[in-house]
C-alpha atoms as a PDB file:
ATOM      1  CA  MET A   1       0.127  20.703 -52.160  1.00  0.00           C
ATOM      2  CA  VAL A   2       2.800  22.386 -53.973  1.00  0.00           C
ATOM      3  CA  ILE A   3       2.847  23.209 -57.600  1.00  0.00           C
ATOM      4  CA  ALA A   4       5.144  21.776 -60.407  1.00  0.00           C
ATOM      5  CA  LEU A   5       8.641  23.727 -60.258  1.00  0.00           C
ATOM      6  CA  ASP A   6       8.329  24.529 -63.993  1.00  0.00           C
ATOM      7  CA  ASP A   7       5.154  26.415 -63.184  1.00  0.00           C
ATOM      8  CA  LEU A   8       6.523  27.923 -60.140  1.00  0.00           C
ATOM      9  CA  LEU A   9       9.535  29.167 -61.763  1.00  0.00           C
ATOM     10  CA  SER A  10       7.748  30.215 -64.900  1.00  0.00           C
ATOM     11  CA  GLY A  11       9.647  33.188 -66.335  1.00  0.00           C
ATOM     12  CA  LEU A  12      12.801  32.676 -64.469  1.00  0.00           C
ATOM     13  CA  ALA A  13      15.938  31.043 -66.454  1.00  0.00           C
ATOM     14  CA  PRO A  14      16.879  27.598 -65.535  1.00  0.00           C
ATOM     15  CA  SER A  15      19.949  27.556 -63.239  1.00  0.00           C
ATOM     16  CA  THR A  16      21.774  25.304 -60.710  1.00  0.00           C
ATOM     17  CA  LEU A  17      23.443  25.894 -57.347  1.00  0.00           C
ATOM     18  CA  LYS A  18      26.009  23.488 -58.040  1.00  0.00           C
ATOM     19  CA  GLY A  19      29.330  24.417 -58.740  1.00  0.00           C
ATOM     20  CA  GLY A  20      32.509  23.024 -60.610  1.00  0.00           C
ATOM     21  CA  VAL A  21      32.373  19.665 -62.427  1.00  0.00           C
ATOM     22  CA  GLY A  22      28.661  19.233 -60.891  1.00  0.00           C
ATOM     23  CA  LYS A  23      27.543  22.337 -62.415  1.00  0.00           C
ATOM     24  CA  GLU A  24      29.147  21.403 -65.750  1.00  0.00           C
ATOM     25  CA  ALA A  25      27.410  18.089 -65.672  1.00  0.00           C
ATOM     26  CA  GLU A  26      24.019  19.509 -65.053  1.00  0.00           C
ATOM     27  CA  LEU A  27      24.511  22.022 -67.716  1.00  0.00           C
ATOM     28  CA  LEU A  28      25.434  19.296 -70.391  1.00  0.00           C
ATOM     29  CA  LEU A  29      22.256  17.208 -69.223  1.00  0.00           C
ATOM     30  CA  GLU A  30      20.192  20.290 -69.845  1.00  0.00           C
ATOM     31  CA  LYS A  31      21.705  20.847 -73.310  1.00  0.00           C
ATOM     32  CA  ILE A  32      21.281  17.175 -74.373  1.00  0.00           C
ATOM     33  CA  ARG A  33      17.802  17.086 -73.041  1.00  0.00           C
ATOM     34  CA  ILE A  34      16.709  20.129 -74.784  1.00  0.00           C
ATOM     35  CA  GLU A  35      18.174  18.905 -78.044  1.00  0.00           C
ATOM     36  CA  ARG A  36      17.522  15.163 -77.942  1.00  0.00           C
ATOM     37  CA  PHE A  37      14.836  14.402 -75.373  1.00  0.00           C
ATOM     38  CA  PRO A  38      12.637  17.603 -75.195  1.00  0.00           C
ATOM     39  CA  GLU A  39       9.483  15.510 -73.811  1.00  0.00           C
ATOM     40  CA  LYS A  40      11.515  14.635 -70.518  1.00  0.00           C
ATOM     41  CA  PRO A  41      11.494  17.075 -67.496  1.00  0.00           C
ATOM     42  CA  SER A  42      14.271  19.283 -66.920  1.00  0.00           C
ATOM     43  CA  ARG A  43      16.733  18.316 -63.967  1.00  0.00           C
ATOM     44  CA  LEU A  44      16.930  22.124 -63.454  1.00  0.00           C
ATOM     45  CA  ARG A  45      13.269  22.522 -62.683  1.00  0.00           C
ATOM     46  CA  SER A  46      12.099  19.281 -61.026  1.00  0.00           C
ATOM     47  CA  TYR A  47      11.794  17.789 -58.068  1.00  0.00           C
ATOM     48  CA  PHE A  48      14.049  14.713 -57.192  1.00  0.00           C
ATOM     49  CA  LEU A  49      11.983  11.809 -55.504  1.00  0.00           C
ATOM     50  CA  ASN A  50      13.261   8.728 -54.231  1.00  0.00           C
ATOM     51  CA  TYR A  51      11.762   5.346 -54.696  1.00  0.00           C
ATOM     52  CA  SER A  52      11.902   4.069 -51.173  1.00  0.00           C
ATOM     53  CA  LYS A  53      12.485   5.422 -47.671  1.00  0.00           C
ATOM     54  CA  HIS A  54      15.659   3.459 -47.542  1.00  0.00           C
ATOM     55  CA  VAL A  55      17.297   5.196 -50.556  1.00  0.00           C
ATOM     56  CA  ALA A  56      16.069   8.683 -49.265  1.00  0.00           C
ATOM     57  CA  GLU A  57      17.805   8.186 -45.916  1.00  0.00           C
ATOM     58  CA  HIS A  58      21.181   6.988 -47.771  1.00  0.00           C
ATOM     59  CA  ARG A  59      20.982   9.878 -50.005  1.00  0.00           C
ATOM     60  CA  GLU A  60      20.329  12.408 -46.908  1.00  0.00           C
ATOM     61  CA  LYS A  61      23.679  11.265 -45.602  1.00  0.00           C
ATOM     62  CA  THR A  62      25.723  10.837 -48.286  1.00  0.00           C
ATOM     63  CA  MET A  63      24.638  13.200 -50.995  1.00  0.00           C
ATOM     64  CA  PHE A  64      22.873  16.180 -49.345  1.00  0.00           C
ATOM     65  CA  ARG A  65      24.504  16.353 -45.899  1.00  0.00           C
ATOM     66  CA  GLY A  66      22.708  19.498 -45.350  1.00  0.00           C
ATOM     67  CA  ASN A  67      19.741  20.404 -42.893  1.00  0.00           C
ATOM     68  CA  ARG A  68      17.162  18.398 -44.546  1.00  0.00           C
ATOM     69  CA  GLN A  69      13.958  16.947 -43.516  1.00  0.00           C
ATOM     70  CA  LEU A  70      12.696  13.696 -45.313  1.00  0.00           C
ATOM     71  CA  VAL A  71       8.992  13.535 -45.720  1.00  0.00           C
ATOM     72  CA  ARG A  72       6.372  11.661 -47.610  1.00  0.00           C
ATOM     73  CA  CYS A  73       4.738  12.879 -50.658  1.00  0.00           C
ATOM     74  CA  HIS A  74       2.325  11.803 -53.447  1.00  0.00           C
ATOM     75  CA  VAL A  75       2.772  12.828 -56.884  1.00  0.00           C
ATOM     76  CA  VAL A  76      -0.413  14.413 -58.699  1.00  0.00           C
ATOM     77  CA  LEU A  77      -0.430  12.797 -62.031  1.00  0.00           C
ATOM     78  CA  ASN A  78      -2.342  15.553 -63.866  1.00  0.00           C
ATOM     79  CA  SER A  79       0.024  16.963 -66.566  1.00  0.00           C
ATOM     80  CA  ALA A  80       2.991  15.428 -64.843  1.00  0.00           C
ATOM     81  CA  LYS A  81       6.407  14.584 -66.741  1.00  0.00           C
ATOM     82  CA  PHE A  82       8.693  12.148 -65.020  1.00  0.00           C
ATOM     83  CA  HIS A  83      12.101  10.404 -65.816  1.00  0.00           C
ATOM     84  CA  HIS A  84      13.544   7.493 -64.167  1.00  0.00           C
ATOM     85  CA  GLY A  85      17.218   8.064 -64.165  1.00  0.00           C
ATOM     86  CA  ASP A  86      20.572   6.305 -63.078  1.00  0.00           C
ATOM     87  CA  VAL A  87      22.302   8.584 -60.607  1.00  0.00           C
ATOM     88  CA  GLY A  88      25.358   6.365 -61.335  1.00  0.00           C
ATOM     89  CA  VAL A  89      25.561   7.800 -64.870  1.00  0.00           C
ATOM     90  CA  PHE A  90      25.400  11.526 -63.197  1.00  0.00           C
ATOM     91  CA  GLU A  91      28.188  10.780 -61.033  1.00  0.00           C
ATOM     92  CA  LYS A  92      30.195   9.310 -63.745  1.00  0.00           C
ATOM     93  CA  LEU A  93      29.459  12.402 -65.773  1.00  0.00           C
ATOM     94  CA  THR A  94      30.813  14.844 -63.062  1.00  0.00           C
ATOM     95  CA  GLY A  95      34.165  13.269 -63.767  1.00  0.00           C
ATOM     96  CA  ARG A  96      33.699  13.701 -67.692  1.00  0.00           C
ATOM     97  CA  PRO A  97      31.501  16.715 -67.841  1.00  0.00           C
ATOM     98  CA  ASP A  98      32.037  17.027 -71.611  1.00  0.00           C
ATOM     99  CA  ASP A  99      30.948  13.521 -72.474  1.00  0.00           C
ATOM    100  CA  GLU A 100      27.898  13.924 -74.543  1.00  0.00           C
ATOM    101  CA  ASN A 101      27.241  10.246 -75.229  1.00  0.00           C
ATOM    102  CA  LEU A 102      27.446   9.674 -71.358  1.00  0.00           C
ATOM    103  CA  ALA A 103      24.922  12.615 -70.888  1.00  0.00           C
ATOM    104  CA  ALA A 104      22.477  11.274 -73.616  1.00  0.00           C
ATOM    105  CA  SER A 105      22.544   7.588 -71.953  1.00  0.00           C
ATOM    106  CA  TYR A 106      21.203   9.346 -68.720  1.00  0.00           C
ATOM    107  CA  TRP A 107      18.122  10.490 -70.703  1.00  0.00           C
ATOM    108  CA  GLU A 108      17.317   6.775 -71.667  1.00  0.00           C
ATOM    109  CA  GLU A 109      14.747   5.132 -69.290  1.00  0.00           C
ATOM    110  CA  PHE A 110      16.494   3.328 -66.545  1.00  0.00           C
ATOM    111  CA  LYS A 111      14.810   0.171 -65.559  1.00  0.00           C
ATOM    112  CA  PRO A 112      16.217  -1.287 -62.352  1.00  0.00           C
ATOM    113  CA  VAL A 113      16.219  -4.847 -61.686  1.00  0.00           C
ATOM    114  CA  THR A 114      18.552  -5.698 -58.894  1.00  0.00           C
ATOM    115  CA  GLU A 115      18.714  -4.026 -55.309  1.00  0.00           C
ATOM    116  CA  ALA A 116      21.904  -2.165 -56.310  1.00  0.00           C
ATOM    117  CA  GLU A 117      20.168  -0.616 -59.342  1.00  0.00           C
ATOM    118  CA  PHE A 118      17.046   0.385 -57.454  1.00  0.00           C
ATOM    119  CA  ASP A 119      19.450   2.317 -54.864  1.00  0.00           C
ATOM    120  CA  ARG A 120      20.699   4.283 -58.014  1.00  0.00           C
ATOM    121  CA  LEU A 121      17.197   5.047 -59.178  1.00  0.00           C
ATOM    122  CA  GLU A 122      16.411   8.872 -58.981  1.00  0.00           C
ATOM    123  CA  VAL A 123      12.828   9.966 -60.136  1.00  0.00           C
ATOM    124  CA  ILE A 124      12.765  13.347 -61.634  1.00  0.00           C
ATOM    125  CA  ALA A 125       9.171  14.626 -61.566  1.00  0.00           C
ATOM    126  CA  ASP A 126       7.901  17.639 -62.978  1.00  0.00           C
ATOM    127  CA  SER A 127       4.643  17.376 -61.021  1.00  0.00           C
ATOM    128  CA  MET A 128       2.488  18.816 -58.430  1.00  0.00           C
ATOM    129  CA  LEU A 129       3.072  17.034 -54.931  1.00  0.00           C
ATOM    130  CA  PHE A 130       0.873  16.481 -52.076  1.00  0.00           C
ATOM    131  CA  PHE A 131       2.308  16.355 -48.610  1.00  0.00           C
ATOM    132  CA  PRO A 132       0.076  13.969 -46.554  1.00  0.00           C
ATOM    133  CA  ASP A 133       2.059  14.977 -43.366  1.00  0.00           C
ATOM    134  CA  TRP A 134       1.812  18.762 -43.993  1.00  0.00           C
ATOM    135  CA  GLU A 135       0.211  19.547 -40.736  1.00  0.00           C
ATOM    136  CA  GLU A 136       3.609  18.175 -39.053  1.00  0.00           C
ATOM    137  CA  PHE A 137       5.617  20.711 -40.889  1.00  0.00           C
ATOM    138  CA  PRO A 138       7.522  23.420 -39.032  1.00  0.00           C
ATOM    139  CA  VAL A 139       6.045  26.920 -39.378  1.00  0.00           C
ATOM    140  CA  LEU A 140       8.386  29.583 -40.286  1.00  0.00           C
ATOM    141  CA  ASN A 141       8.204  32.805 -37.905  1.00  0.00           C
ATOM    142  CA  GLN A 142       7.452  36.232 -39.484  1.00  0.00           C
ATOM    143  CA  ASP A 143      10.937  37.661 -38.942  1.00  0.00           C
ATOM    144  CA  THR A 144      12.376  34.722 -40.705  1.00  0.00           C
ATOM    145  CA  LEU A 145      10.195  35.205 -43.638  1.00  0.00           C
ATOM    146  CA  VAL A 146      10.981  38.714 -43.757  1.00  0.00           C
ATOM    147  CA  ALA A 147      14.682  38.435 -43.670  1.00  0.00           C
ATOM    148  CA  TRP A 148      14.596  35.868 -46.526  1.00  0.00           C
ATOM    149  CA  GLU A 149      12.430  38.334 -48.466  1.00  0.00           C
ATOM    150  CA  LYS A 150      15.066  41.074 -48.087  1.00  0.00           C
ATOM    151  CA  LEU A 151      18.052  38.764 -48.964  1.00  0.00           C
ATOM    152  CA  ARG A 152      16.298  37.540 -52.064  1.00  0.00           C
ATOM    153  CA  ILE A 153      15.494  41.221 -53.386  1.00  0.00           C
ATOM    154  CA  SER A 154      19.076  42.451 -52.556  1.00  0.00           C
END
């Protein structure tokens, strides 16, 4: 079980690791969310979940390209906030990172109907997550944890 990111990051200012127009787009989305959609979860403090394994595998190859492991999880609905967004709107916003109307349209509920629309669905979850396959997760060795802690502090 992992707690909601908003709880985990309590006391830290929301931020993004993205650079360039991706960062500008994320910051505009956060600004619009705060101003017009405060009931929605922050993209800067939420988990991004996939509707299906097919979509997760596709995004692993096309969007993230890093050393990531796909795992199953279940959301814990107690006090959770969710948003069903259209990743296509986010992609357009990276080309127009000052378009407030486009940013506002991202926060409208996305209700996919076609297979192509379901492929664009991203679930933003400010929720606790339960990982049923947790026993299969790799264990970090002590040296790796100590090195990470030293890097984080410096």
